[in-house]
């Protein structure tokens, strides 16, 4: 029996396509809408400072998540056949540190560029990663017997909160 085509999405390929579109929207989409008020001081410089910190923190968390996965890393949400269960490093704080870091960085970018619409795109990215992680966790529970207990112990996307 042959492998299904990528466009059939059996391993979560469409999640990756939507994710790339959302990244492009966050990075290059319109920042504001006509009629929305412009950011003014002190919010402009606070956005710059807090946004920069969130970008750095998000980048660090995503990188730590990438390195923590090691050979388990795949672009698709479906786990590799030879994957092992990782719950150390940043995975002790949050079940999806790569997604968490990208969400933090997206909100940081929105603050950095003082973009009302960019804040909305970052929120869409958060909602998307929440939905994507639900599907991914279904696959992880099928693959790893201890994943259900891990879900009860560690938050999904926001350490100690959600």
N, C-alpha and C. Protein backbone atom coordinates (compact mmCIF):
# COMPACT_ATOMS: atom_id res chain seq x y z
N UNK A 1 0.85 -1.18 0.00
CA UNK A 1 0.00 0.00 0.00
C UNK A 1 0.89 1.25 0.00
N UNK A 2 0.59 2.20 -0.82
CA UNK A 2 1.42 3.40 -0.95
C UNK A 2 1.05 4.44 0.10
N UNK A 3 1.99 5.34 0.36
CA UNK A 3 1.79 6.45 1.29
C UNK A 3 0.76 7.42 0.71
N UNK A 4 -0.12 7.98 1.55
CA UNK A 4 -1.05 8.99 1.04
C UNK A 4 -0.28 10.24 0.59
N UNK A 5 -0.84 10.92 -0.38
CA UNK A 5 -0.23 12.15 -0.88
C UNK A 5 -0.24 13.21 0.21
N UNK A 6 0.73 14.14 0.16
CA UNK A 6 0.85 15.18 1.18
C UNK A 6 -0.41 16.02 1.27
N UNK A 7 -1.08 16.24 0.16
CA UNK A 7 -2.23 17.13 0.15
C UNK A 7 -3.45 16.51 0.83
N UNK A 8 -3.39 15.21 1.11
CA UNK A 8 -4.50 14.58 1.82
C UNK A 8 -4.45 14.86 3.32
N UNK A 9 -3.31 15.30 3.80
CA UNK A 9 -3.21 15.76 5.18
C UNK A 9 -3.30 14.70 6.25
N UNK A 10 -2.87 13.52 6.01
CA UNK A 10 -2.97 12.43 6.99
C UNK A 10 -2.06 12.62 8.20
N UNK A 11 -1.03 13.43 8.07
CA UNK A 11 -0.09 13.64 9.17
C UNK A 11 -0.09 15.11 9.63
N UNK A 12 -1.12 15.85 9.23
CA UNK A 12 -1.24 17.24 9.67
C UNK A 12 -0.60 18.26 8.74
N UNK A 13 -0.44 17.90 7.48
CA UNK A 13 0.21 18.81 6.53
C UNK A 13 -0.50 20.15 6.40
N UNK A 14 -1.83 20.13 6.43
CA UNK A 14 -2.56 21.39 6.26
C UNK A 14 -2.37 22.33 7.44
N UNK A 15 -2.10 21.78 8.60
CA UNK A 15 -1.79 22.65 9.74
C UNK A 15 -0.53 23.47 9.45
N UNK A 16 0.44 22.85 8.82
CA UNK A 16 1.69 23.54 8.51
C UNK A 16 1.45 24.64 7.48
N UNK A 17 0.61 24.37 6.49
CA UNK A 17 0.30 25.37 5.47
C UNK A 17 -0.37 26.59 6.11
N UNK A 18 -1.37 26.35 6.95
CA UNK A 18 -2.07 27.45 7.62
C UNK A 18 -1.11 28.21 8.54
N UNK A 19 -0.25 27.47 9.23
CA UNK A 19 0.73 28.09 10.13
C UNK A 19 1.64 29.05 9.37
N UNK A 20 2.12 28.66 8.22
CA UNK A 20 2.99 29.53 7.41
C UNK A 20 2.23 30.79 6.99
N UNK A 21 0.99 30.62 6.59
CA UNK A 21 0.16 31.78 6.20
C UNK A 21 0.01 32.74 7.38
N UNK A 22 -0.26 32.21 8.56
CA UNK A 22 -0.40 33.07 9.74
C UNK A 22 0.91 33.77 10.10
N UNK A 23 2.04 33.06 9.97
CA UNK A 23 3.34 33.70 10.22
C UNK A 23 3.55 34.88 9.27
N UNK A 24 3.22 34.67 8.00
CA UNK A 24 3.37 35.74 7.01
C UNK A 24 2.45 36.91 7.33
N UNK A 25 1.25 36.62 7.80
CA UNK A 25 0.31 37.67 8.17
C UNK A 25 0.84 38.48 9.36
N UNK A 26 1.35 37.79 10.37
CA UNK A 26 1.92 38.49 11.53
C UNK A 26 3.09 39.38 11.09
N UNK A 27 3.97 38.82 10.27
CA UNK A 27 5.19 39.54 9.89
C UNK A 27 4.94 40.66 8.89
N UNK A 28 4.07 40.43 7.91
CA UNK A 28 3.95 41.37 6.79
C UNK A 28 2.55 41.92 6.56
N UNK A 29 1.57 41.48 7.34
CA UNK A 29 0.19 41.95 7.14
C UNK A 29 0.02 43.40 7.50
N UNK A 30 -1.10 44.00 7.10
CA UNK A 30 -1.36 45.39 7.48
C UNK A 30 -1.34 45.54 9.00
N UNK A 31 -0.80 46.63 9.48
CA UNK A 31 -0.62 46.84 10.92
C UNK A 31 -1.83 47.51 11.58
N UNK A 32 -2.54 48.30 10.81
CA UNK A 32 -3.67 49.03 11.39
C UNK A 32 -4.79 49.13 10.37
N UNK A 33 -5.91 49.59 10.82
CA UNK A 33 -7.10 49.76 9.99
C UNK A 33 -7.46 51.23 10.00
N UNK A 34 -7.88 51.77 8.86
CA UNK A 34 -8.27 53.19 8.86
C UNK A 34 -9.32 53.46 9.95
N UNK A 35 -9.07 54.50 10.70
CA UNK A 35 -9.99 54.87 11.77
C UNK A 35 -9.56 54.41 13.15
N UNK A 36 -8.68 53.41 13.20
CA UNK A 36 -8.16 53.00 14.50
C UNK A 36 -7.16 54.05 14.98
N UNK A 37 -7.20 54.36 16.27
CA UNK A 37 -6.27 55.39 16.76
C UNK A 37 -4.82 54.90 16.70
N UNK A 38 -3.93 55.83 16.41
CA UNK A 38 -2.50 55.51 16.40
C UNK A 38 -2.02 55.36 17.84
N UNK A 39 -0.99 54.55 18.02
CA UNK A 39 -0.39 54.40 19.34
C UNK A 39 0.35 55.70 19.67
N UNK A 40 0.25 56.13 20.89
CA UNK A 40 0.90 57.36 21.32
C UNK A 40 1.79 57.06 22.52
N UNK A 41 2.77 57.95 22.77
CA UNK A 41 3.57 57.77 23.98
C UNK A 41 2.67 57.82 25.21
N UNK A 42 2.91 57.05 26.21
CA UNK A 42 4.05 56.15 26.44
C UNK A 42 3.88 54.76 25.83
N UNK A 43 2.74 54.51 25.16
CA UNK A 43 2.48 53.16 24.65
C UNK A 43 3.41 52.78 23.51
N UNK A 44 3.87 53.76 22.75
CA UNK A 44 4.79 53.44 21.66
C UNK A 44 6.10 52.90 22.19
N UNK A 45 6.69 53.59 23.16
CA UNK A 45 7.97 53.10 23.68
C UNK A 45 7.81 51.91 24.61
N UNK A 46 6.67 51.81 25.32
CA UNK A 46 6.40 50.62 26.13
C UNK A 46 6.23 49.40 25.23
N UNK A 47 5.55 49.60 24.11
CA UNK A 47 5.40 48.52 23.14
C UNK A 47 6.75 48.06 22.61
N UNK A 48 7.62 49.03 22.37
CA UNK A 48 8.96 48.73 21.88
C UNK A 48 9.74 47.90 22.91
N UNK A 49 9.70 48.32 24.17
CA UNK A 49 10.47 47.63 25.22
C UNK A 49 9.86 46.26 25.54
N UNK A 50 8.57 46.25 25.86
CA UNK A 50 7.91 44.99 26.22
C UNK A 50 7.90 44.04 25.02
N UNK A 51 7.63 44.59 23.84
CA UNK A 51 7.65 43.76 22.63
C UNK A 51 9.00 43.12 22.39
N UNK A 52 10.07 43.91 22.55
CA UNK A 52 11.42 43.36 22.37
C UNK A 52 11.71 42.24 23.35
N UNK A 53 11.28 42.42 24.61
CA UNK A 53 11.49 41.38 25.61
C UNK A 53 10.70 40.11 25.27
N UNK A 54 9.47 40.28 24.82
CA UNK A 54 8.66 39.11 24.44
C UNK A 54 9.25 38.38 23.23
N UNK A 55 9.78 39.14 22.29
CA UNK A 55 10.43 38.52 21.12
C UNK A 55 11.63 37.69 21.58
N UNK A 56 12.44 38.25 22.45
CA UNK A 56 13.61 37.52 22.95
C UNK A 56 13.20 36.28 23.75
N UNK A 57 12.26 36.45 24.65
CA UNK A 57 11.78 35.33 25.46
C UNK A 57 11.16 34.24 24.59
N UNK A 58 10.33 34.67 23.64
CA UNK A 58 9.70 33.72 22.73
C UNK A 58 10.72 32.98 21.88
N UNK A 59 11.70 33.70 21.38
CA UNK A 59 12.75 33.07 20.59
C UNK A 59 13.53 32.06 21.41
N UNK A 60 13.86 32.42 22.65
CA UNK A 60 14.59 31.52 23.54
C UNK A 60 13.77 30.26 23.82
N UNK A 61 12.48 30.42 24.15
CA UNK A 61 11.62 29.28 24.46
C UNK A 61 11.45 28.36 23.25
N UNK A 62 11.24 28.95 22.08
CA UNK A 62 11.12 28.13 20.87
C UNK A 62 12.40 27.37 20.56
N UNK A 63 13.52 28.06 20.68
CA UNK A 63 14.81 27.41 20.43
C UNK A 63 15.06 26.28 21.43
N UNK A 64 14.76 26.53 22.70
CA UNK A 64 14.93 25.49 23.72
C UNK A 64 14.02 24.30 23.41
N UNK A 65 12.81 24.56 22.93
CA UNK A 65 11.90 23.49 22.55
C UNK A 65 12.42 22.70 21.37
N UNK A 66 12.96 23.40 20.37
CA UNK A 66 13.54 22.72 19.21
C UNK A 66 14.70 21.83 19.62
N UNK A 67 15.60 22.37 20.42
CA UNK A 67 16.76 21.60 20.87
C UNK A 67 16.35 20.45 21.78
N UNK A 68 15.31 20.67 22.61
CA UNK A 68 14.84 19.64 23.52
C UNK A 68 14.24 18.45 22.81
N UNK A 69 13.65 18.67 21.65
CA UNK A 69 13.06 17.56 20.89
C UNK A 69 14.12 16.70 20.22
N UNK A 70 15.24 17.30 19.87
CA UNK A 70 16.31 16.53 19.23
C UNK A 70 15.83 15.82 17.97
N UNK A 71 16.07 14.52 17.90
CA UNK A 71 15.73 13.75 16.69
C UNK A 71 14.23 13.53 16.54
N UNK A 72 13.44 13.92 17.53
CA UNK A 72 11.98 13.80 17.44
C UNK A 72 11.37 14.91 16.59
N UNK A 73 12.15 15.95 16.31
CA UNK A 73 11.64 17.13 15.61
C UNK A 73 11.14 16.79 14.22
N UNK A 74 9.94 17.26 13.92
CA UNK A 74 9.35 17.14 12.60
C UNK A 74 8.51 18.39 12.35
N UNK A 75 8.40 18.77 11.09
CA UNK A 75 7.58 19.94 10.75
C UNK A 75 6.09 19.64 10.93
N UNK A 76 5.74 18.37 10.89
CA UNK A 76 4.35 17.96 10.97
C UNK A 76 3.93 17.71 12.42
N UNK A 77 2.65 17.91 12.74
CA UNK A 77 2.19 17.63 14.10
C UNK A 77 2.12 16.14 14.43
N UNK A 78 2.09 15.29 13.42
CA UNK A 78 2.05 13.85 13.65
C UNK A 78 3.43 13.37 14.09
N UNK A 79 3.51 12.63 15.21
CA UNK A 79 4.83 12.22 15.70
C UNK A 79 5.51 11.22 14.77
N UNK A 80 6.82 11.28 14.75
CA UNK A 80 7.60 10.33 13.95
C UNK A 80 7.36 8.91 14.47
N UNK A 81 7.54 7.94 13.59
CA UNK A 81 7.36 6.54 13.98
C UNK A 81 8.32 6.14 15.09
N UNK A 82 9.55 6.65 15.05
CA UNK A 82 10.56 6.30 16.04
C UNK A 82 10.70 7.34 17.16
N UNK A 83 9.68 8.17 17.34
CA UNK A 83 9.73 9.25 18.34
C UNK A 83 9.78 8.68 19.75
N UNK A 84 10.40 9.46 20.63
CA UNK A 84 10.40 9.15 22.05
C UNK A 84 9.67 10.27 22.79
N UNK A 85 9.16 9.94 23.95
CA UNK A 85 8.39 10.89 24.76
C UNK A 85 9.35 11.83 25.49
N UNK A 86 9.23 13.14 25.26
CA UNK A 86 10.10 14.14 25.88
C UNK A 86 9.28 14.95 26.88
N UNK A 87 9.73 14.97 28.13
CA UNK A 87 9.08 15.79 29.15
C UNK A 87 10.11 16.48 30.05
N UNK A 88 11.30 16.69 29.50
CA UNK A 88 12.38 17.35 30.23
C UNK A 88 12.67 18.70 29.57
N UNK A 89 13.58 19.45 30.18
CA UNK A 89 13.93 20.77 29.64
C UNK A 89 12.72 21.68 29.64
N UNK A 90 12.48 22.41 28.55
CA UNK A 90 11.34 23.32 28.52
C UNK A 90 10.00 22.59 28.55
N UNK A 91 10.02 21.29 28.26
CA UNK A 91 8.80 20.49 28.28
C UNK A 91 8.33 20.20 29.70
N UNK A 92 9.12 20.57 30.69
CA UNK A 92 8.67 20.51 32.09
C UNK A 92 7.76 21.69 32.41
N UNK A 93 7.94 22.80 31.70
CA UNK A 93 7.16 24.02 31.95
C UNK A 93 5.88 24.09 31.15
N UNK A 94 5.94 23.62 29.92
CA UNK A 94 4.80 23.74 29.02
C UNK A 94 4.88 22.60 27.99
N UNK A 95 3.74 22.06 27.60
CA UNK A 95 3.74 20.90 26.70
C UNK A 95 4.17 21.23 25.28
N UNK A 96 4.00 22.47 24.88
CA UNK A 96 4.34 22.88 23.51
C UNK A 96 5.19 24.16 23.54
N UNK A 97 6.44 24.06 24.00
CA UNK A 97 7.26 25.27 24.12
C UNK A 97 7.56 25.95 22.79
N UNK A 98 7.62 25.21 21.71
CA UNK A 98 7.87 25.84 20.41
C UNK A 98 6.69 26.74 20.06
N UNK A 99 5.49 26.21 20.19
CA UNK A 99 4.29 27.01 19.92
C UNK A 99 4.21 28.19 20.88
N UNK A 100 4.47 27.94 22.15
CA UNK A 100 4.42 29.01 23.15
C UNK A 100 5.37 30.15 22.80
N UNK A 101 6.59 29.77 22.43
CA UNK A 101 7.58 30.78 22.06
C UNK A 101 7.17 31.58 20.84
N UNK A 102 6.61 30.90 19.86
CA UNK A 102 6.15 31.60 18.65
C UNK A 102 4.99 32.54 18.95
N UNK A 103 4.12 32.13 19.85
CA UNK A 103 3.01 32.99 20.26
C UNK A 103 3.55 34.23 20.98
N UNK A 104 4.45 34.02 21.93
CA UNK A 104 5.06 35.16 22.64
C UNK A 104 5.75 36.11 21.66
N UNK A 105 6.50 35.54 20.73
CA UNK A 105 7.21 36.37 19.75
C UNK A 105 6.22 37.14 18.87
N UNK A 106 5.10 36.51 18.50
CA UNK A 106 4.11 37.19 17.67
C UNK A 106 3.49 38.37 18.42
N UNK A 107 3.14 38.16 19.70
CA UNK A 107 2.61 39.28 20.48
C UNK A 107 3.68 40.34 20.69
N UNK A 108 4.91 39.91 20.89
CA UNK A 108 6.02 40.86 21.02
C UNK A 108 6.19 41.70 19.77
N UNK A 109 6.12 41.04 18.61
CA UNK A 109 6.24 41.76 17.34
C UNK A 109 5.11 42.78 17.19
N UNK A 110 3.88 42.37 17.56
CA UNK A 110 2.74 43.27 17.46
C UNK A 110 2.95 44.52 18.31
N UNK A 111 3.49 44.32 19.52
CA UNK A 111 3.78 45.47 20.38
C UNK A 111 4.93 46.30 19.82
N UNK A 112 5.94 45.64 19.32
CA UNK A 112 7.12 46.30 18.76
C UNK A 112 6.73 47.24 17.62
N UNK A 113 5.83 46.76 16.73
CA UNK A 113 5.44 47.58 15.57
C UNK A 113 4.21 48.43 15.84
N UNK A 114 3.70 48.38 17.09
CA UNK A 114 2.52 49.14 17.48
C UNK A 114 1.35 48.88 16.53
N UNK A 115 1.10 47.62 16.27
CA UNK A 115 0.06 47.26 15.30
C UNK A 115 -1.19 46.67 15.94
N UNK A 116 -2.29 47.40 15.82
CA UNK A 116 -3.57 46.88 16.33
C UNK A 116 -3.95 45.59 15.61
N UNK A 117 -3.89 45.61 14.31
CA UNK A 117 -4.24 44.41 13.55
C UNK A 117 -3.24 43.28 13.82
N UNK A 118 -1.99 43.62 14.02
CA UNK A 118 -0.98 42.60 14.30
C UNK A 118 -1.27 41.91 15.63
N UNK A 119 -1.80 42.65 16.60
CA UNK A 119 -2.25 42.01 17.84
C UNK A 119 -3.35 40.99 17.55
N UNK A 120 -4.25 41.34 16.65
CA UNK A 120 -5.30 40.40 16.24
C UNK A 120 -4.74 39.17 15.55
N UNK A 121 -3.73 39.36 14.69
CA UNK A 121 -3.10 38.22 14.03
C UNK A 121 -2.42 37.31 15.05
N UNK A 122 -1.78 37.92 16.05
CA UNK A 122 -1.13 37.13 17.10
C UNK A 122 -2.17 36.33 17.88
N UNK A 123 -3.32 36.92 18.12
CA UNK A 123 -4.41 36.20 18.79
C UNK A 123 -4.89 35.04 17.91
N UNK A 124 -5.01 35.27 16.61
CA UNK A 124 -5.38 34.18 15.69
C UNK A 124 -4.35 33.06 15.73
N UNK A 125 -3.08 33.42 15.81
CA UNK A 125 -2.02 32.42 15.89
C UNK A 125 -2.15 31.61 17.18
N UNK A 126 -2.46 32.28 18.29
CA UNK A 126 -2.69 31.58 19.56
C UNK A 126 -3.84 30.58 19.43
N UNK A 127 -4.96 31.02 18.87
CA UNK A 127 -6.12 30.14 18.69
C UNK A 127 -5.76 28.97 17.77
N UNK A 128 -5.05 29.26 16.70
CA UNK A 128 -4.63 28.21 15.77
C UNK A 128 -3.76 27.18 16.47
N UNK A 129 -2.75 27.62 17.24
CA UNK A 129 -1.87 26.68 17.93
C UNK A 129 -2.64 25.89 18.98
N UNK A 130 -3.65 26.48 19.59
CA UNK A 130 -4.48 25.73 20.53
C UNK A 130 -5.20 24.59 19.80
N UNK A 131 -5.78 24.89 18.65
CA UNK A 131 -6.47 23.87 17.87
C UNK A 131 -5.50 22.81 17.34
N UNK A 132 -4.37 23.26 16.81
CA UNK A 132 -3.38 22.34 16.27
C UNK A 132 -2.86 21.42 17.36
N UNK A 133 -2.60 21.97 18.54
CA UNK A 133 -2.06 21.16 19.63
C UNK A 133 -3.08 20.13 20.11
N UNK A 134 -4.36 20.43 20.02
CA UNK A 134 -5.39 19.44 20.39
C UNK A 134 -5.29 18.21 19.49
N UNK A 135 -5.16 18.45 18.20
CA UNK A 135 -5.03 17.33 17.27
C UNK A 135 -3.73 16.58 17.51
N UNK A 136 -2.66 17.32 17.69
CA UNK A 136 -1.35 16.72 17.93
C UNK A 136 -1.37 15.88 19.20
N UNK A 137 -2.01 16.38 20.24
CA UNK A 137 -2.05 15.65 21.50
C UNK A 137 -2.88 14.37 21.41
N UNK A 138 -3.87 14.36 20.53
CA UNK A 138 -4.60 13.12 20.28
C UNK A 138 -3.66 12.04 19.76
N UNK A 139 -2.82 12.41 18.81
CA UNK A 139 -1.84 11.48 18.26
C UNK A 139 -0.81 11.08 19.32
N UNK A 140 -0.38 12.04 20.13
CA UNK A 140 0.61 11.74 21.17
C UNK A 140 0.05 10.79 22.23
N UNK A 141 -1.24 10.95 22.59
CA UNK A 141 -1.86 10.05 23.56
C UNK A 141 -1.96 8.63 23.00
N UNK A 142 -2.20 8.51 21.69
CA UNK A 142 -2.25 7.20 21.06
C UNK A 142 -0.88 6.53 21.08
N UNK A 143 0.16 7.33 20.93
CA UNK A 143 1.52 6.80 20.81
C UNK A 143 2.19 6.52 22.16
N UNK A 144 1.96 7.40 23.14
CA UNK A 144 2.67 7.32 24.42
C UNK A 144 1.69 7.11 25.57
N UNK A 145 1.86 6.01 26.29
CA UNK A 145 0.95 5.67 27.40
C UNK A 145 0.96 6.74 28.50
N UNK A 146 2.08 7.39 28.75
CA UNK A 146 2.17 8.36 29.83
C UNK A 146 1.74 9.77 29.47
N UNK A 147 1.26 9.98 28.24
CA UNK A 147 0.96 11.35 27.82
C UNK A 147 -0.24 11.94 28.57
N UNK A 148 -1.23 11.12 28.90
CA UNK A 148 -2.40 11.62 29.64
C UNK A 148 -2.02 12.17 31.00
N UNK A 149 -1.14 11.48 31.71
CA UNK A 149 -0.68 11.97 33.01
C UNK A 149 0.14 13.25 32.84
N UNK A 150 0.93 13.31 31.80
CA UNK A 150 1.72 14.50 31.50
C UNK A 150 0.79 15.70 31.25
N UNK A 151 -0.31 15.48 30.53
CA UNK A 151 -1.28 16.55 30.27
C UNK A 151 -1.85 17.11 31.56
N UNK A 152 -2.08 16.24 32.52
CA UNK A 152 -2.65 16.68 33.80
C UNK A 152 -1.63 17.46 34.63
N UNK A 153 -0.37 17.18 34.43
CA UNK A 153 0.70 17.76 35.24
C UNK A 153 1.25 19.06 34.67
N UNK A 154 1.28 19.21 33.33
CA UNK A 154 1.95 20.34 32.68
C UNK A 154 0.94 21.09 31.80
N UNK A 155 0.97 22.42 31.87
CA UNK A 155 0.06 23.25 31.07
C UNK A 155 0.42 23.18 29.58
N UNK A 156 -0.56 23.49 28.74
CA UNK A 156 -0.40 23.31 27.30
C UNK A 156 0.42 24.40 26.62
N UNK A 157 0.01 25.66 26.73
CA UNK A 157 0.63 26.73 25.94
C UNK A 157 1.17 27.89 26.76
N UNK A 158 0.63 28.13 27.93
CA UNK A 158 1.10 29.23 28.77
C UNK A 158 1.53 28.63 30.10
N UNK A 159 2.84 28.63 30.39
CA UNK A 159 3.32 27.99 31.61
C UNK A 159 2.53 28.42 32.86
N UNK A 160 2.12 27.44 33.65
CA UNK A 160 1.40 27.62 34.91
C UNK A 160 -0.01 28.20 34.76
N UNK A 161 -0.44 28.52 33.53
CA UNK A 161 -1.75 29.16 33.33
C UNK A 161 -2.66 28.32 32.44
N UNK A 162 -2.23 28.03 31.20
CA UNK A 162 -3.09 27.32 30.24
C UNK A 162 -2.27 26.37 29.39
